[in-house]
């Protein structure tokens, strides 16, 4: 799975937001607000990855976090992106 649209991310008022750019701006009208972990996952989704790929990468970058907790976070965030219809 990967993002369906081209997004740029920026920090606005201590939050990270993603906004569609170029031709995709007319296809996805709005923005996605997220925290640092959400931005980590979101940026990984710019490439074609699986939940397992994201979990494995996060385990390396966050070695003190339990795999089950990481997986729950990733699956929850991915579910929200699917609901917003921004994933292929």
Protein backbone atom coordinates (compact mmCIF):
# COMPACT_ATOMS: atom_id res chain seq x y z
CA UNK A 1 0.00 0.00 0.00
CA UNK A 2 1.06 3.58 -0.51
CA UNK A 3 -0.35 7.07 -0.61
CA UNK A 4 -2.72 7.71 -3.48
CA UNK A 5 -1.80 11.40 -3.75
CA UNK A 6 1.32 13.56 -3.61
CA UNK A 7 1.56 15.34 -0.28
CA UNK A 8 3.91 17.77 1.37
CA UNK A 9 4.21 17.86 5.13
CA UNK A 10 4.87 20.94 7.22
CA UNK A 11 4.81 21.87 10.87
CA UNK A 12 2.01 24.28 11.75
CA UNK A 13 1.31 25.37 15.32
CA UNK A 14 3.27 22.45 16.82
CA UNK A 15 1.41 19.90 14.67
CA UNK A 16 2.47 18.24 11.46
CA UNK A 17 0.06 18.61 8.57
CA UNK A 18 0.03 17.00 5.14
CA UNK A 19 -1.51 18.79 2.18
CA UNK A 20 -2.00 17.41 -1.31
CA UNK A 21 -0.07 19.28 -3.98
CA UNK A 22 -0.19 19.80 -7.73
CA UNK A 23 -2.99 18.08 -9.62
CA UNK A 24 -3.80 16.03 -6.51
CA UNK A 25 -4.95 19.17 -4.69
CA UNK A 26 -8.23 19.03 -6.59
CA UNK A 27 -8.63 15.31 -5.82
CA UNK A 28 -7.99 15.56 -2.07
CA UNK A 29 -9.30 18.82 -0.71
CA UNK A 30 -8.19 19.20 2.87
CA UNK A 31 -5.30 18.32 5.11
CA UNK A 32 -4.21 15.57 7.46
CA UNK A 33 -3.07 16.55 10.95
CA UNK A 34 -0.74 14.15 12.79
CA UNK A 35 1.89 13.82 15.48
CA UNK A 36 5.55 12.80 15.00
CA UNK A 37 4.76 9.07 14.93
CA UNK A 38 1.98 9.64 12.42
CA UNK A 39 4.39 11.63 10.25
CA UNK A 40 6.93 8.78 10.45
CA UNK A 41 4.31 6.29 9.22
CA UNK A 42 2.93 8.76 6.65
CA UNK A 43 6.37 9.34 5.15
CA UNK A 44 6.98 5.60 4.86
CA UNK A 45 3.73 5.35 2.91
CA UNK A 46 5.17 7.53 0.15
CA UNK A 47 6.63 4.20 -1.03
CA UNK A 48 4.83 0.90 -1.50
CA UNK A 49 5.11 -0.78 1.94
CA UNK A 50 3.21 -3.22 4.12
CA UNK A 51 2.20 -2.86 7.74
CA UNK A 52 4.93 -5.40 8.54
CA UNK A 53 7.53 -3.22 6.76
CA UNK A 54 6.52 -0.19 8.82
CA UNK A 55 6.47 -2.15 12.08
CA UNK A 56 9.96 -3.57 11.36
CA UNK A 57 11.36 -0.12 10.61
CA UNK A 58 9.80 1.35 13.74
CA UNK A 59 11.19 -1.47 15.89
CA UNK A 60 14.68 -0.47 14.76
CA UNK A 61 14.07 3.25 15.40
CA UNK A 62 12.10 2.76 18.64
CA UNK A 63 13.78 -0.27 20.27
CA UNK A 64 12.24 0.41 23.69
CA UNK A 65 8.68 0.04 22.39
CA UNK A 66 6.90 -3.30 22.33
CA UNK A 67 6.12 -4.77 18.91
CA UNK A 68 2.44 -5.18 19.82
CA UNK A 69 2.16 -1.49 20.71
CA UNK A 70 3.91 -0.43 17.52
CA UNK A 71 1.67 -2.68 15.43
CA UNK A 72 -1.46 -1.31 17.10
CA UNK A 73 -0.32 2.26 16.40
CA UNK A 74 0.51 1.50 12.77
CA UNK A 75 -2.72 -0.40 12.11
CA UNK A 76 -4.79 2.36 13.73
CA UNK A 77 -3.14 5.10 11.70
CA UNK A 78 -3.40 3.12 8.46
CA UNK A 79 -7.09 2.50 9.16
CA UNK A 80 -7.67 6.25 9.48
CA UNK A 81 -5.88 6.88 6.19
CA UNK A 82 -7.96 4.20 4.50
CA UNK A 83 -11.11 5.80 5.88
CA UNK A 84 -9.95 9.12 4.39
CA UNK A 85 -9.40 7.26 1.09
CA UNK A 86 -5.79 8.38 0.66
CA UNK A 87 -4.20 4.92 0.30
CA UNK A 88 -3.96 2.80 -2.83
